[in-house]
Amino acid sequence: MSDIRIKRIYDGIDSSDGARILVDRLWPRGVSKDGAQLTRWMKEVAPSAALRTWFGHRPEKFEAFRTLYTAELEQEAVQPYLEQLIRWSREGRVTLLYAAKDEQCNHAVLLKEYLEAKRRETES
């Protein structure tokens, strides 16, 4: 099974993080680029600015956000980035980093679910 984790970028860096991928469109406040110790900043897999603004991290919009964000992930331009994340997850651990305060209702949760589902599809 895939080894994809999610974690707030403000949480401490751990040697078990594996590939550390920032999946936010905007750089997180108060985090230095050197201090983040990223493998890659992959803003291409983050929700569009319009979708992020509409959602506003309001839990009551989360299910609608799920549908809209999934549609964005299905776009052809995003596929190479998702394929890269899946390849990395086959080689070792991938930690998707995000800045949102809500650890349950954020795009990284949905991105992880999406990647795991795609990985299962390609392995069966």
PDB file of N, CA and C in Angstrom:
ATOM      1  N   MET A   1       0.843  -1.190   0.000  1.00  0.00           N
ATOM      2  CA  MET A   1       0.000   0.000   0.000  1.00  0.00           C
ATOM      3  C   MET A   1       0.876   1.235   0.000  1.00  0.00           C
ATOM      4  N   SER A   2       0.296   2.308  -0.378  1.00  0.00           N
ATOM      5  CA  SER A   2       1.063   3.537  -0.505  1.00  0.00           C
ATOM      6  C   SER A   2       1.504   4.060   0.844  1.00  0.00           C
ATOM      7  N   ASP A   3       2.571   4.768   0.811  1.00  0.00           N
ATOM      8  CA  ASP A   3       3.080   5.376   2.030  1.00  0.00           C
ATOM      9  C   ASP A   3       3.033   6.885   1.855  1.00  0.00           C
ATOM     10  N   ILE A   4       1.822   7.404   1.933  1.00  0.00           N
ATOM     11  CA  ILE A   4       1.600   8.832   1.800  1.00  0.00           C
ATOM     12  C   ILE A   4       1.052   9.331   3.130  1.00  0.00           C
ATOM     13  N   ARG A   5       1.685  10.341   3.645  1.00  0.00           N
ATOM     14  CA  ARG A   5       1.230  10.948   4.896  1.00  0.00           C
ATOM     15  C   ARG A   5       0.945  12.416   4.648  1.00  0.00           C
ATOM     16  N   ILE A   6       0.203  13.005   5.555  1.00  0.00           N
ATOM     17  CA  ILE A   6      -0.011  14.449   5.517  1.00  0.00           C
ATOM     18  C   ILE A   6       0.415  15.027   6.857  1.00  0.00           C
ATOM     19  N   LYS A   7       0.829  16.288   6.795  1.00  0.00           N
ATOM     20  CA  LYS A   7       1.375  16.913   8.002  1.00  0.00           C
ATOM     21  C   LYS A   7       1.368  18.422   7.805  1.00  0.00           C
ATOM     22  N   ARG A   8       1.093  19.147   8.868  1.00  0.00           N
ATOM     23  CA  ARG A   8       1.199  20.606   8.793  1.00  0.00           C
ATOM     24  C   ARG A   8       2.673  20.977   8.641  1.00  0.00           C
ATOM     25  N   ILE A   9       2.944  21.943   7.819  1.00  0.00           N
ATOM     26  CA  ILE A   9       4.330  22.359   7.608  1.00  0.00           C
ATOM     27  C   ILE A   9       4.917  22.957   8.881  1.00  0.00           C
ATOM     28  N   TYR A  10       4.057  23.394   9.796  1.00  0.00           N
ATOM     29  CA  TYR A  10       4.522  23.986  11.051  1.00  0.00           C
ATOM     30  C   TYR A  10       4.931  22.929  12.075  1.00  0.00           C
ATOM     31  N   ASP A  11       4.580  21.672  11.815  1.00  0.00           N
ATOM     32  CA  ASP A  11       5.014  20.592  12.702  1.00  0.00           C
ATOM     33  C   ASP A  11       6.498  20.329  12.455  1.00  0.00           C
ATOM     34  N   GLY A  12       7.138  19.766  13.411  1.00  0.00           N
ATOM     35  CA  GLY A  12       8.578  19.541  13.303  1.00  0.00           C
ATOM     36  C   GLY A  12       8.966  18.620  12.163  1.00  0.00           C
ATOM     37  N   ILE A  13      10.158  18.837  11.672  1.00  0.00           N
ATOM     38  CA  ILE A  13      10.720  17.983  10.627  1.00  0.00           C
ATOM     39  C   ILE A  13      11.183  16.691  11.292  1.00  0.00           C
ATOM     40  N   ASP A  14      10.878  15.584  10.641  1.00  0.00           N
ATOM     41  CA  ASP A  14      11.235  14.276  11.184  1.00  0.00           C
ATOM     42  C   ASP A  14      11.971  13.491  10.103  1.00  0.00           C
ATOM     43  N   SER A  15      12.946  12.720  10.494  1.00  0.00           N
ATOM     44  CA  SER A  15      13.706  11.935   9.519  1.00  0.00           C
ATOM     45  C   SER A  15      12.823  10.897   8.813  1.00  0.00           C
ATOM     46  N   SER A  16      11.677  10.555   9.411  1.00  0.00           N
ATOM     47  CA  SER A  16      10.780   9.582   8.790  1.00  0.00           C
ATOM     48  C   SER A  16       9.819  10.224   7.782  1.00  0.00           C
ATOM     49  N   ASP A  17       9.934  11.535   7.552  1.00  0.00           N
ATOM     50  CA  ASP A  17       9.037  12.213   6.606  1.00  0.00           C
ATOM     51  C   ASP A  17       9.228  11.732   5.174  1.00  0.00           C
ATOM     52  N   GLY A  18      10.406  11.289   4.837  1.00  0.00           N
ATOM     53  CA  GLY A  18      10.666  10.910   3.449  1.00  0.00           C
ATOM     54  C   GLY A  18      10.686  12.147   2.577  1.00  0.00           C
ATOM     55  N   ALA A  19      10.087  12.042   1.387  1.00  0.00           N
ATOM     56  CA  ALA A  19      10.008  13.190   0.481  1.00  0.00           C
ATOM     57  C   ALA A  19       9.002  14.183   1.049  1.00  0.00           C
ATOM     58  N   ARG A  20       9.468  15.387   1.316  1.00  0.00           N
ATOM     59  CA  ARG A  20       8.624  16.441   1.895  1.00  0.00           C
ATOM     60  C   ARG A  20       8.138  17.347   0.766  1.00  0.00           C
ATOM     61  N   ILE A  21       6.826  17.270   0.488  1.00  0.00           N
ATOM     62  CA  ILE A  21       6.251  17.991  -0.641  1.00  0.00           C
ATOM     63  C   ILE A  21       5.231  19.005  -0.127  1.00  0.00           C
ATOM     64  N   LEU A  22       5.512  20.283  -0.333  1.00  0.00           N
ATOM     65  CA  LEU A  22       4.550  21.327   0.009  1.00  0.00           C
ATOM     66  C   LEU A  22       3.496  21.359  -1.082  1.00  0.00           C
ATOM     67  N   VAL A  23       2.227  21.219  -0.706  1.00  0.00           N
ATOM     68  CA  VAL A  23       1.139  21.146  -1.684  1.00  0.00           C
ATOM     69  C   VAL A  23       0.191  22.338  -1.569  1.00  0.00           C
ATOM     70  N   ASP A  24       0.685  23.450  -1.068  1.00  0.00           N
ATOM     71  CA  ASP A  24      -0.091  24.695  -1.005  1.00  0.00           C
ATOM     72  C   ASP A  24       0.291  25.596  -2.168  1.00  0.00           C
ATOM     73  N   ARG A  25      -0.665  26.372  -2.632  1.00  0.00           N
ATOM     74  CA  ARG A  25      -0.392  27.309  -3.725  1.00  0.00           C
ATOM     75  C   ARG A  25       0.402  28.514  -3.234  1.00  0.00           C
ATOM     76  N   LEU A  26       0.171  28.913  -1.975  1.00  0.00           N
ATOM     77  CA  LEU A  26       0.870  30.055  -1.391  1.00  0.00           C
ATOM     78  C   LEU A  26       1.914  29.569  -0.400  1.00  0.00           C
ATOM     79  N   TRP A  27       3.031  30.283  -0.328  1.00  0.00           N
ATOM     80  CA  TRP A  27       4.061  29.928   0.635  1.00  0.00           C
ATOM     81  C   TRP A  27       3.542  30.211   2.048  1.00  0.00           C
ATOM     82  N   PRO A  28       3.712  29.277   2.985  1.00  0.00           N
ATOM     83  CA  PRO A  28       3.194  29.466   4.348  1.00  0.00           C
ATOM     84  C   PRO A  28       3.929  30.571   5.109  1.00  0.00           C
ATOM     85  N   ARG A  29       3.169  31.352   5.842  1.00  0.00           N
ATOM     86  CA  ARG A  29       3.736  32.448   6.628  1.00  0.00           C
ATOM     87  C   ARG A  29       4.664  31.927   7.707  1.00  0.00           C
ATOM     88  N   GLY A  30       5.746  32.642   7.890  1.00  0.00           N
ATOM     89  CA  GLY A  30       6.657  32.343   8.978  1.00  0.00           C
ATOM     90  C   GLY A  30       7.568  31.152   8.762  1.00  0.00           C
ATOM     91  N   VAL A  31       7.563  30.587   7.578  1.00  0.00           N
ATOM     92  CA  VAL A  31       8.404  29.423   7.283  1.00  0.00           C
ATOM     93  C   VAL A  31       9.463  29.856   6.275  1.00  0.00           C
ATOM     94  N   SER A  32      10.717  29.633   6.610  1.00  0.00           N
ATOM     95  CA  SER A  32      11.780  29.972   5.663  1.00  0.00           C
ATOM     96  C   SER A  32      11.941  28.843   4.656  1.00  0.00           C
ATOM     97  N   LYS A  33      12.370  29.186   3.472  1.00  0.00           N
ATOM     98  CA  LYS A  33      12.554  28.165   2.435  1.00  0.00           C
ATOM     99  C   LYS A  33      13.640  27.175   2.825  1.00  0.00           C
ATOM    100  N   ASP A  34      14.687  27.651   3.468  1.00  0.00           N
ATOM    101  CA  ASP A  34      15.739  26.734   3.930  1.00  0.00           C
ATOM    102  C   ASP A  34      15.232  25.868   5.076  1.00  0.00           C
ATOM    103  N   GLY A  35      14.520  26.470   5.997  1.00  0.00           N
ATOM    104  CA  GLY A  35      14.031  25.755   7.171  1.00  0.00           C
ATOM    105  C   GLY A  35      12.984  24.698   6.860  1.00  0.00           C
ATOM    106  N   ALA A  36      12.277  24.841   5.750  1.00  0.00           N
ATOM    107  CA  ALA A  36      11.216  23.887   5.392  1.00  0.00           C
ATOM    108  C   ALA A  36      11.788  22.532   4.972  1.00  0.00           C
ATOM    109  N   GLN A  37      13.013  22.519   4.490  1.00  0.00           N
ATOM    110  CA  GLN A  37      13.671  21.293   4.024  1.00  0.00           C
ATOM    111  C   GLN A  37      12.766  20.484   3.086  1.00  0.00           C
ATOM    112  N   LEU A  38      12.306  21.147   2.047  1.00  0.00           N
ATOM    113  CA  LEU A  38      11.403  20.515   1.092  1.00  0.00           C
ATOM    114  C   LEU A  38      12.154  19.715   0.043  1.00  0.00           C
ATOM    115  N   THR A  39      11.529  18.646  -0.391  1.00  0.00           N
ATOM    116  CA  THR A  39      11.976  17.942  -1.578  1.00  0.00           C
ATOM    117  C   THR A  39      11.491  18.728  -2.796  1.00  0.00           C
ATOM    118  N   ARG A  40      10.266  19.236  -2.677  1.00  0.00           N
ATOM    119  CA  ARG A  40       9.677  19.995  -3.784  1.00  0.00           C
ATOM    120  C   ARG A  40       8.479  20.784  -3.292  1.00  0.00           C
ATOM    121  N   TRP A  41       8.268  21.944  -3.890  1.00  0.00           N
ATOM    122  CA  TRP A  41       7.051  22.715  -3.698  1.00  0.00           C
ATOM    123  C   TRP A  41       6.207  22.449  -4.931  1.00  0.00           C
ATOM    124  N   MET A  42       5.095  21.752  -4.783  1.00  0.00           N
ATOM    125  CA  MET A  42       4.270  21.337  -5.900  1.00  0.00           C
ATOM    126  C   MET A  42       2.926  22.066  -5.835  1.00  0.00           C
ATOM    127  N   LYS A  43       2.956  23.362  -6.114  1.00  0.00           N
ATOM    128  CA  LYS A  43       1.736  24.165  -6.028  1.00  0.00           C
ATOM    129  C   LYS A  43       0.737  23.805  -7.123  1.00  0.00           C
ATOM    130  N   GLU A  44       1.185  23.086  -8.133  1.00  0.00           N
ATOM    131  CA  GLU A  44       0.307  22.699  -9.235  1.00  0.00           C
ATOM    132  C   GLU A  44      -0.818  21.761  -8.790  1.00  0.00           C
ATOM    133  N   VAL A  45      -0.641  21.058  -7.678  1.00  0.00           N
ATOM    134  CA  VAL A  45      -1.672  20.130  -7.201  1.00  0.00           C
ATOM    135  C   VAL A  45      -2.575  20.771  -6.145  1.00  0.00           C
ATOM    136  N   ALA A  46      -2.331  22.014  -5.827  1.00  0.00           N
ATOM    137  CA  ALA A  46      -3.154  22.734  -4.850  1.00  0.00           C
ATOM    138  C   ALA A  46      -4.444  23.206  -5.530  1.00  0.00           C
ATOM    139  N   PRO A  47      -5.472  23.455  -4.750  1.00  0.00           N
ATOM    140  CA  PRO A  47      -6.704  24.001  -5.344  1.00  0.00           C
ATOM    141  C   PRO A  47      -6.423  25.348  -6.010  1.00  0.00           C
ATOM    142  N   SER A  48      -7.195  25.661  -7.021  1.00  0.00           N
ATOM    143  CA  SER A  48      -7.063  26.959  -7.688  1.00  0.00           C
ATOM    144  C   SER A  48      -7.333  28.073  -6.683  1.00  0.00           C
ATOM    145  N   ALA A  49      -6.839  29.251  -6.992  1.00  0.00           N
ATOM    146  CA  ALA A  49      -7.056  30.399  -6.107  1.00  0.00           C
ATOM    147  C   ALA A  49      -8.547  30.656  -5.914  1.00  0.00           C
ATOM    148  N   ALA A  50      -9.322  30.555  -6.980  1.00  0.00           N
ATOM    149  CA  ALA A  50     -10.767  30.799  -6.878  1.00  0.00           C
ATOM    150  C   ALA A  50     -11.432  29.762  -5.968  1.00  0.00           C
ATOM    151  N   LEU A  51     -11.061  28.505  -6.114  1.00  0.00           N
ATOM    152  CA  LEU A  51     -11.657  27.459  -5.283  1.00  0.00           C
ATOM    153  C   LEU A  51     -11.241  27.604  -3.824  1.00  0.00           C
ATOM    154  N   ARG A  52      -9.980  27.899  -3.602  1.00  0.00           N
ATOM    155  CA  ARG A  52      -9.484  28.089  -2.238  1.00  0.00           C
ATOM    156  C   ARG A  52     -10.221  29.239  -1.554  1.00  0.00           C
ATOM    157  N   THR A  53     -10.399  30.340  -2.270  1.00  0.00           N
ATOM    158  CA  THR A  53     -11.100  31.492  -1.717  1.00  0.00           C
ATOM    159  C   THR A  53     -12.556  31.155  -1.430  1.00  0.00           C
ATOM    160  N   TRP A  54     -13.218  30.476  -2.370  1.00  0.00           N
ATOM    161  CA  TRP A  54     -14.618  30.092  -2.171  1.00  0.00           C
ATOM    162  C   TRP A  54     -14.775  29.206  -0.935  1.00  0.00           C
ATOM    163  N   PHE A  55     -13.902  28.214  -0.797  1.00  0.00           N
ATOM    164  CA  PHE A  55     -13.982  27.270   0.326  1.00  0.00           C
ATOM    165  C   PHE A  55     -13.727  27.975   1.652  1.00  0.00           C
ATOM    166  N   GLY A  56     -12.695  28.760   1.724  1.00  0.00           N
ATOM    167  CA  GLY A  56     -12.388  29.517   2.937  1.00  0.00           C
ATOM    168  C   GLY A  56     -12.242  28.665   4.190  1.00  0.00           C
ATOM    169  N   HIS A  57     -11.935  27.396   4.032  1.00  0.00           N
ATOM    170  CA  HIS A  57     -11.774  26.456   5.146  1.00  0.00           C
ATOM    171  C   HIS A  57     -13.012  26.387   6.038  1.00  0.00           C
ATOM    172  N   ARG A  58     -14.191  26.527   5.411  1.00  0.00           N
ATOM    173  CA  ARG A  58     -15.446  26.414   6.159  1.00  0.00           C
ATOM    174  C   ARG A  58     -15.916  24.961   6.084  1.00  0.00           C
ATOM    175  N   PRO A  59     -15.963  24.281   7.230  1.00  0.00           N
ATOM    176  CA  PRO A  59     -16.322  22.856   7.239  1.00  0.00           C
ATOM    177  C   PRO A  59     -17.650  22.539   6.554  1.00  0.00           C
ATOM    178  N   GLU A  60     -18.601  23.441   6.612  1.00  0.00           N
ATOM    179  CA  GLU A  60     -19.900  23.181   5.989  1.00  0.00           C
ATOM    180  C   GLU A  60     -19.807  23.118   4.458  1.00  0.00           C
ATOM    181  N   LYS A  61     -18.720  23.601   3.890  1.00  0.00           N
ATOM    182  CA  LYS A  61     -18.520  23.550   2.438  1.00  0.00           C
ATOM    183  C   LYS A  61     -17.591  22.409   2.022  1.00  0.00           C
ATOM    184  N   PHE A  62     -17.141  21.612   2.974  1.00  0.00           N
ATOM    185  CA  PHE A  62     -16.098  20.633   2.680  1.00  0.00           C
ATOM    186  C   PHE A  62     -16.519  19.597   1.642  1.00  0.00           C
ATOM    187  N   GLU A  63     -17.733  19.084   1.724  1.00  0.00           N
ATOM    188  CA  GLU A  63     -18.149  18.056   0.765  1.00  0.00           C
ATOM    189  C   GLU A  63     -18.268  18.621  -0.643  1.00  0.00           C
ATOM    190  N   ALA A  64     -18.773  19.834  -0.778  1.00  0.00           N
ATOM    191  CA  ALA A  64     -18.816  20.480  -2.100  1.00  0.00           C
ATOM    192  C   ALA A  64     -17.399  20.768  -2.585  1.00  0.00           C
ATOM    193  N   PHE A  65     -16.542  21.197  -1.668  1.00  0.00           N
ATOM    194  CA  PHE A  65     -15.139  21.447  -1.997  1.00  0.00           C
ATOM    195  C   PHE A  65     -14.485  20.167  -2.507  1.00  0.00           C
ATOM    196  N   ARG A  66     -14.789  19.037  -1.865  1.00  0.00           N
ATOM    197  CA  ARG A  66     -14.241  17.740  -2.287  1.00  0.00           C
ATOM    198  C   ARG A  66     -14.548  17.494  -3.771  1.00  0.00           C
ATOM    199  N   THR A  67     -15.789  17.695  -4.159  1.00  0.00           N
ATOM    200  CA  THR A  67     -16.214  17.459  -5.537  1.00  0.00           C
ATOM    201  C   THR A  67     -15.492  18.392  -6.505  1.00  0.00           C
ATOM    202  N   LEU A  68     -15.436  19.667  -6.159  1.00  0.00           N
ATOM    203  CA  LEU A  68     -14.811  20.659  -7.035  1.00  0.00           C
ATOM    204  C   LEU A  68     -13.294  20.462  -7.129  1.00  0.00           C
ATOM    205  N   TYR A  69     -12.663  20.160  -6.013  1.00  0.00           N
ATOM    206  CA  TYR A  69     -11.213  19.946  -6.020  1.00  0.00           C
ATOM    207  C   TYR A  69     -10.862  18.671  -6.786  1.00  0.00           C
ATOM    208  N   THR A  70     -11.649  17.639  -6.616  1.00  0.00           N
ATOM    209  CA  THR A  70     -11.414  16.402  -7.363  1.00  0.00           C
ATOM    210  C   THR A  70     -11.492  16.666  -8.866  1.00  0.00           C
ATOM    211  N   ALA A  71     -12.440  17.494  -9.275  1.00  0.00           N
ATOM    212  CA  ALA A  71     -12.548  17.851 -10.697  1.00  0.00           C
ATOM    213  C   ALA A  71     -11.283  18.574 -11.159  1.00  0.00           C
ATOM    214  N   GLU A  72     -10.729  19.430 -10.319  1.00  0.00           N
ATOM    215  CA  GLU A  72      -9.474  20.093 -10.682  1.00  0.00           C
ATOM    216  C   GLU A  72      -8.334  19.093 -10.789  1.00  0.00           C
ATOM    217  N   LEU A  73      -8.305  18.115  -9.907  1.00  0.00           N
ATOM    218  CA  LEU A  73      -7.243  17.104  -9.954  1.00  0.00           C
ATOM    219  C   LEU A  73      -7.330  16.228 -11.202  1.00  0.00           C
ATOM    220  N   GLU A  74      -8.518  16.118 -11.761  1.00  0.00           N
ATOM    221  CA  GLU A  74      -8.718  15.297 -12.958  1.00  0.00           C
ATOM    222  C   GLU A  74      -8.236  15.993 -14.234  1.00  0.00           C
ATOM    223  N   GLN A  75      -7.911  17.270 -14.154  1.00  0.00           N
ATOM    224  CA  GLN A  75      -7.483  18.004 -15.341  1.00  0.00           C
ATOM    225  C   GLN A  75      -6.148  17.456 -15.853  1.00  0.00           C
ATOM    226  N   GLU A  76      -6.030  17.425 -17.156  1.00  0.00           N
ATOM    227  CA  GLU A  76      -4.852  16.837 -17.802  1.00  0.00           C
ATOM    228  C   GLU A  76      -3.546  17.511 -17.373  1.00  0.00           C
ATOM    229  N   ALA A  77      -3.571  18.815 -17.182  1.00  0.00           N
ATOM    230  CA  ALA A  77      -2.345  19.541 -16.822  1.00  0.00           C
ATOM    231  C   ALA A  77      -1.801  19.130 -15.459  1.00  0.00           C
ATOM    232  N   VAL A  78      -2.645  18.604 -14.596  1.00  0.00           N
ATOM    233  CA  VAL A  78      -2.244  18.231 -13.235  1.00  0.00           C
ATOM    234  C   VAL A  78      -1.699  16.799 -13.187  1.00  0.00           C
ATOM    235  N   GLN A  79      -2.065  15.990 -14.144  1.00  0.00           N
ATOM    236  CA  GLN A  79      -1.739  14.569 -14.103  1.00  0.00           C
ATOM    237  C   GLN A  79      -0.245  14.251 -13.973  1.00  0.00           C
ATOM    238  N   PRO A  80       0.647  14.927 -14.671  1.00  0.00           N
ATOM    239  CA  PRO A  80       2.074  14.590 -14.503  1.00  0.00           C
ATOM    240  C   PRO A  80       2.565  14.774 -13.061  1.00  0.00           C
ATOM    241  N   TYR A  81       2.049  15.765 -12.368  1.00  0.00           N
ATOM    242  CA  TYR A  81       2.449  16.004 -10.975  1.00  0.00           C
ATOM    243  C   TYR A  81       1.914  14.904 -10.061  1.00  0.00           C
ATOM    244  N   LEU A  82       0.688  14.495 -10.304  1.00  0.00           N
ATOM    245  CA  LEU A  82       0.105  13.417  -9.507  1.00  0.00           C
ATOM    246  C   LEU A  82       0.842  12.103  -9.759  1.00  0.00           C
ATOM    247  N   GLU A  83       1.182  11.860 -11.014  1.00  0.00           N
ATOM    248  CA  GLU A  83       1.937  10.647 -11.346  1.00  0.00           C
ATOM    249  C   GLU A  83       3.297  10.645 -10.655  1.00  0.00           C
ATOM    250  N   GLN A  84       3.933  11.803 -10.585  1.00  0.00           N
ATOM    251  CA  GLN A  84       5.219  11.898  -9.886  1.00  0.00           C
ATOM    252  C   GLN A  84       5.054  11.575  -8.405  1.00  0.00           C
ATOM    253  N   LEU A  85       4.018  12.101  -7.785  1.00  0.00           N
ATOM    254  CA  LEU A  85       3.770  11.811  -6.367  1.00  0.00           C
ATOM    255  C   LEU A  85       3.536  10.321  -6.143  1.00  0.00           C
ATOM    256  N   ILE A  86       2.797   9.698  -7.044  1.00  0.00           N
ATOM    257  CA  ILE A  86       2.550   8.257  -6.926  1.00  0.00           C
ATOM    258  C   ILE A  86       3.852   7.478  -7.088  1.00  0.00           C
ATOM    259  N   ARG A  87       4.684   7.873  -8.059  1.00  0.00           N
ATOM    260  CA  ARG A  87       5.980   7.198  -8.234  1.00  0.00           C
ATOM    261  C   ARG A  87       6.816   7.308  -6.963  1.00  0.00           C
ATOM    262  N   TRP A  88       6.893   8.511  -6.403  1.00  0.00           N
ATOM    263  CA  TRP A  88       7.664   8.694  -5.173  1.00  0.00           C
ATOM    264  C   TRP A  88       7.101   7.848  -4.039  1.00  0.00           C
ATOM    265  N   SER A  89       5.780   7.722  -3.977  1.00  0.00           N
ATOM    266  CA  SER A  89       5.184   6.930  -2.889  1.00  0.00           C
ATOM    267  C   SER A  89       5.485   5.447  -3.045  1.00  0.00           C
ATOM    268  N   ARG A  90       5.741   5.010  -4.260  1.00  0.00           N
ATOM    269  CA  ARG A  90       6.132   3.613  -4.480  1.00  0.00           C
ATOM    270  C   ARG A  90       7.573   3.370  -4.056  1.00  0.00           C
ATOM    271  N   GLU A  91       8.379   4.422  -4.119  1.00  0.00           N
ATOM    272  CA  GLU A  91       9.801   4.306  -3.778  1.00  0.00           C
ATOM    273  C   GLU A  91      10.054   4.487  -2.285  1.00  0.00           C
ATOM    274  N   GLY A  92       9.154   5.124  -1.595  1.00  0.00           N
ATOM    275  CA  GLY A  92       9.339   5.398  -0.177  1.00  0.00           C
ATOM    276  C   GLY A  92       8.244   6.309   0.330  1.00  0.00           C
ATOM    277  N   ARG A  93       8.427   6.811   1.493  1.00  0.00           N
ATOM    278  CA  ARG A  93       7.416   7.664   2.107  1.00  0.00           C
ATOM    279  C   ARG A  93       7.371   9.042   1.455  1.00  0.00           C
ATOM    280  N   VAL A  94       6.149   9.546   1.309  1.00  0.00           N
ATOM    281  CA  VAL A  94       5.899  10.903   0.833  1.00  0.00           C
ATOM    282  C   VAL A  94       5.050  11.590   1.894  1.00  0.00           C
ATOM    283  N   THR A  95       5.489  12.769   2.319  1.00  0.00           N
ATOM    284  CA  THR A  95       4.710  13.560   3.270  1.00  0.00           C
ATOM    285  C   THR A  95       4.238  14.817   2.563  1.00  0.00           C
ATOM    286  N   LEU A  96       2.916  14.928   2.451  1.00  0.00           N
ATOM    287  CA  LEU A  96       2.299  16.104   1.850  1.00  0.00           C
ATOM    288  C   LEU A  96       2.157  17.164   2.938  1.00  0.00           C
ATOM    289  N   LEU A  97       2.758  18.303   2.722  1.00  0.00           N
ATOM    290  CA  LEU A  97       2.763  19.371   3.721  1.00  0.00           C
ATOM    291  C   LEU A  97       1.773  20.463   3.342  1.00  0.00           C
ATOM    292  N   TYR A  98       1.053  20.953   4.334  1.00  0.00           N
ATOM    293  CA  TYR A  98       0.057  21.999   4.127  1.00  0.00           C
ATOM    294  C   TYR A  98       0.103  22.955   5.310  1.00  0.00           C
ATOM    295  N   ALA A  99      -0.481  24.143   5.150  1.00  0.00           N
ATOM    296  CA  ALA A  99      -0.434  25.147   6.204  1.00  0.00           C
ATOM    297  C   ALA A  99      -1.764  25.325   6.942  1.00  0.00           C
ATOM    298  N   ALA A 100      -2.846  24.801   6.432  1.00  0.00           N
ATOM    299  CA  ALA A 100      -4.170  25.013   7.033  1.00  0.00           C
ATOM    300  C   ALA A 100      -4.182  24.603   8.510  1.00  0.00           C
ATOM    301  N   LYS A 101      -4.955  25.342   9.291  1.00  0.00           N
ATOM    302  CA  LYS A 101      -5.071  25.025  10.721  1.00  0.00           C
ATOM    303  C   LYS A 101      -5.940  23.800  10.962  1.00  0.00           C
ATOM    304  N   ASP A 102      -6.976  23.634  10.156  1.00  0.00           N
ATOM    305  CA  ASP A 102      -7.905  22.517  10.319  1.00  0.00           C
ATOM    306  C   ASP A 102      -7.261  21.258   9.736  1.00  0.00           C
ATOM    307  N   GLU A 103      -7.011  20.284  10.591  1.00  0.00           N
ATOM    308  CA  GLU A 103      -6.324  19.068  10.158  1.00  0.00           C
ATOM    309  C   GLU A 103      -7.254  18.046   9.506  1.00  0.00           C
ATOM    310  N   GLN A 104      -8.565  18.276   9.553  1.00  0.00           N
ATOM    311  CA  GLN A 104      -9.536  17.344   8.982  1.00  0.00           C
ATOM    312  C   GLN A 104     -10.138  17.845   7.673  1.00  0.00           C
ATOM    313  N   CYS A 105     -10.404  19.137   7.602  1.00  0.00           N
ATOM    314  CA  CYS A 105     -11.072  19.731   6.435  1.00  0.00           C
ATOM    315  C   CYS A 105     -10.093  20.601   5.672  1.00  0.00           C
ATOM    316  N   ASN A 106      -9.221  19.957   4.924  1.00  0.00           N
ATOM    317  CA  ASN A 106      -8.270  20.696   4.092  1.00  0.00           C
ATOM    318  C   ASN A 106      -7.969  19.879   2.835  1.00  0.00           C
ATOM    319  N   HIS A 107      -7.380  20.539   1.873  1.00  0.00           N
ATOM    320  CA  HIS A 107      -7.153  19.885   0.583  1.00  0.00           C
ATOM    321  C   HIS A 107      -6.127  18.756   0.654  1.00  0.00           C
ATOM    322  N   ALA A 108      -5.191  18.799   1.588  1.00  0.00           N
ATOM    323  CA  ALA A 108      -4.189  17.734   1.678  1.00  0.00           C
ATOM    324  C   ALA A 108      -4.838  16.399   2.035  1.00  0.00           C
ATOM    325  N   VAL A 109      -5.864  16.428   2.869  1.00  0.00           N
ATOM    326  CA  VAL A 109      -6.608  15.209   3.212  1.00  0.00           C
ATOM    327  C   VAL A 109      -7.194  14.610   1.930  1.00  0.00           C
ATOM    328  N   LEU A 110      -7.801  15.460   1.120  1.00  0.00           N
ATOM    329  CA  LEU A 110      -8.427  14.994  -0.119  1.00  0.00           C
ATOM    330  C   LEU A 110      -7.392  14.553  -1.142  1.00  0.00           C
ATOM    331  N   LEU A 111      -6.282  15.271  -1.218  1.00  0.00           N
ATOM    332  CA  LEU A 111      -5.219  14.900  -2.148  1.00  0.00           C
ATOM    333  C   LEU A 111      -4.653  13.529  -1.794  1.00  0.00           C
ATOM    334  N   LYS A 112      -4.441  13.274  -0.530  1.00  0.00           N
ATOM    335  CA  LYS A 112      -3.948  11.965  -0.084  1.00  0.00           C
ATOM    336  C   LYS A 112      -4.927  10.863  -0.496  1.00  0.00           C
ATOM    337  N   GLU A 113      -6.220  11.072  -0.241  1.00  0.00           N
ATOM    338  CA  GLU A 113      -7.242  10.091  -0.625  1.00  0.00           C
ATOM    339  C   GLU A 113      -7.220   9.851  -2.128  1.00  0.00           C
ATOM    340  N   TYR A 114      -7.123  10.922  -2.882  1.00  0.00           N
ATOM    341  CA  TYR A 114      -7.117  10.831  -4.337  1.00  0.00           C
ATOM    342  C   TYR A 114      -5.908  10.028  -4.823  1.00  0.00           C
ATOM    343  N   LEU A 115      -4.737  10.349  -4.308  1.00  0.00           N
ATOM    344  CA  LEU A 115      -3.512   9.647  -4.715  1.00  0.00           C
ATOM    345  C   LEU A 115      -3.568   8.165  -4.356  1.00  0.00           C
ATOM    346  N   GLU A 116      -4.067   7.865  -3.175  1.00  0.00           N
ATOM    347  CA  GLU A 116      -4.173   6.454  -2.769  1.00  0.00           C
ATOM    348  C   GLU A 116      -5.139   5.698  -3.668  1.00  0.00           C
ATOM    349  N   ALA A 117      -6.244   6.320  -4.046  1.00  0.00           N
ATOM    350  CA  ALA A 117      -7.210   5.672  -4.940  1.00  0.00           C
ATOM    351  C   ALA A 117      -6.596   5.450  -6.314  1.00  0.00           C
ATOM    352  N   LYS A 118      -5.892   6.442  -6.835  1.00  0.00           N
ATOM    353  CA  LYS A 118      -5.243   6.304  -8.149  1.00  0.00           C
ATOM    354  C   LYS A 118      -4.167   5.222  -8.117  1.00  0.00           C
ATOM    355  N   ARG A 119      -3.460   5.157  -7.035  1.00  0.00           N
ATOM    356  CA  ARG A 119      -2.400   4.138  -6.913  1.00  0.00           C
ATOM    357  C   ARG A 119      -3.031   2.738  -6.901  1.00  0.00           C
ATOM    358  N   ARG A 120      -4.130   2.578  -6.154  1.00  0.00           N
ATOM    359  CA  ARG A 120      -4.814   1.277  -6.140  1.00  0.00           C
ATOM    360  C   ARG A 120      -5.293   0.890  -7.550  1.00  0.00           C
ATOM    361  N   GLU A 121      -5.816   1.866  -8.303  1.00  0.00           N
ATOM    362  CA  GLU A 121      -6.279   1.603  -9.662  1.00  0.00           C
ATOM    363  C   GLU A 121      -5.161   1.086 -10.553  1.00  0.00           C
ATOM    364  N   THR A 122      -3.991   1.677 -10.431  1.00  0.00           N
ATOM    365  CA  THR A 122      -2.880   1.287 -11.302  1.00  0.00           C
ATOM    366  C   THR A 122      -2.226  -0.015 -10.864  1.00  0.00           C
ATOM    367  N   GLU A 123      -2.467  -0.426  -9.640  1.00  0.00           N
ATOM    368  CA  GLU A 123      -1.853  -1.662  -9.153  1.00  0.00           C
ATOM    369  C   GLU A 123      -2.755  -2.869  -9.336  1.00  0.00           C
ATOM    370  N   SER A 124      -4.009  -2.628  -9.725  1.00  0.00           N
ATOM    371  CA  SER A 124      -4.902  -3.782  -9.876  1.00  0.00           C
ATOM    372  C   SER A 124      -5.056  -4.200 -11.312  1.00  0.00           C
TER     373      SER A 124
END
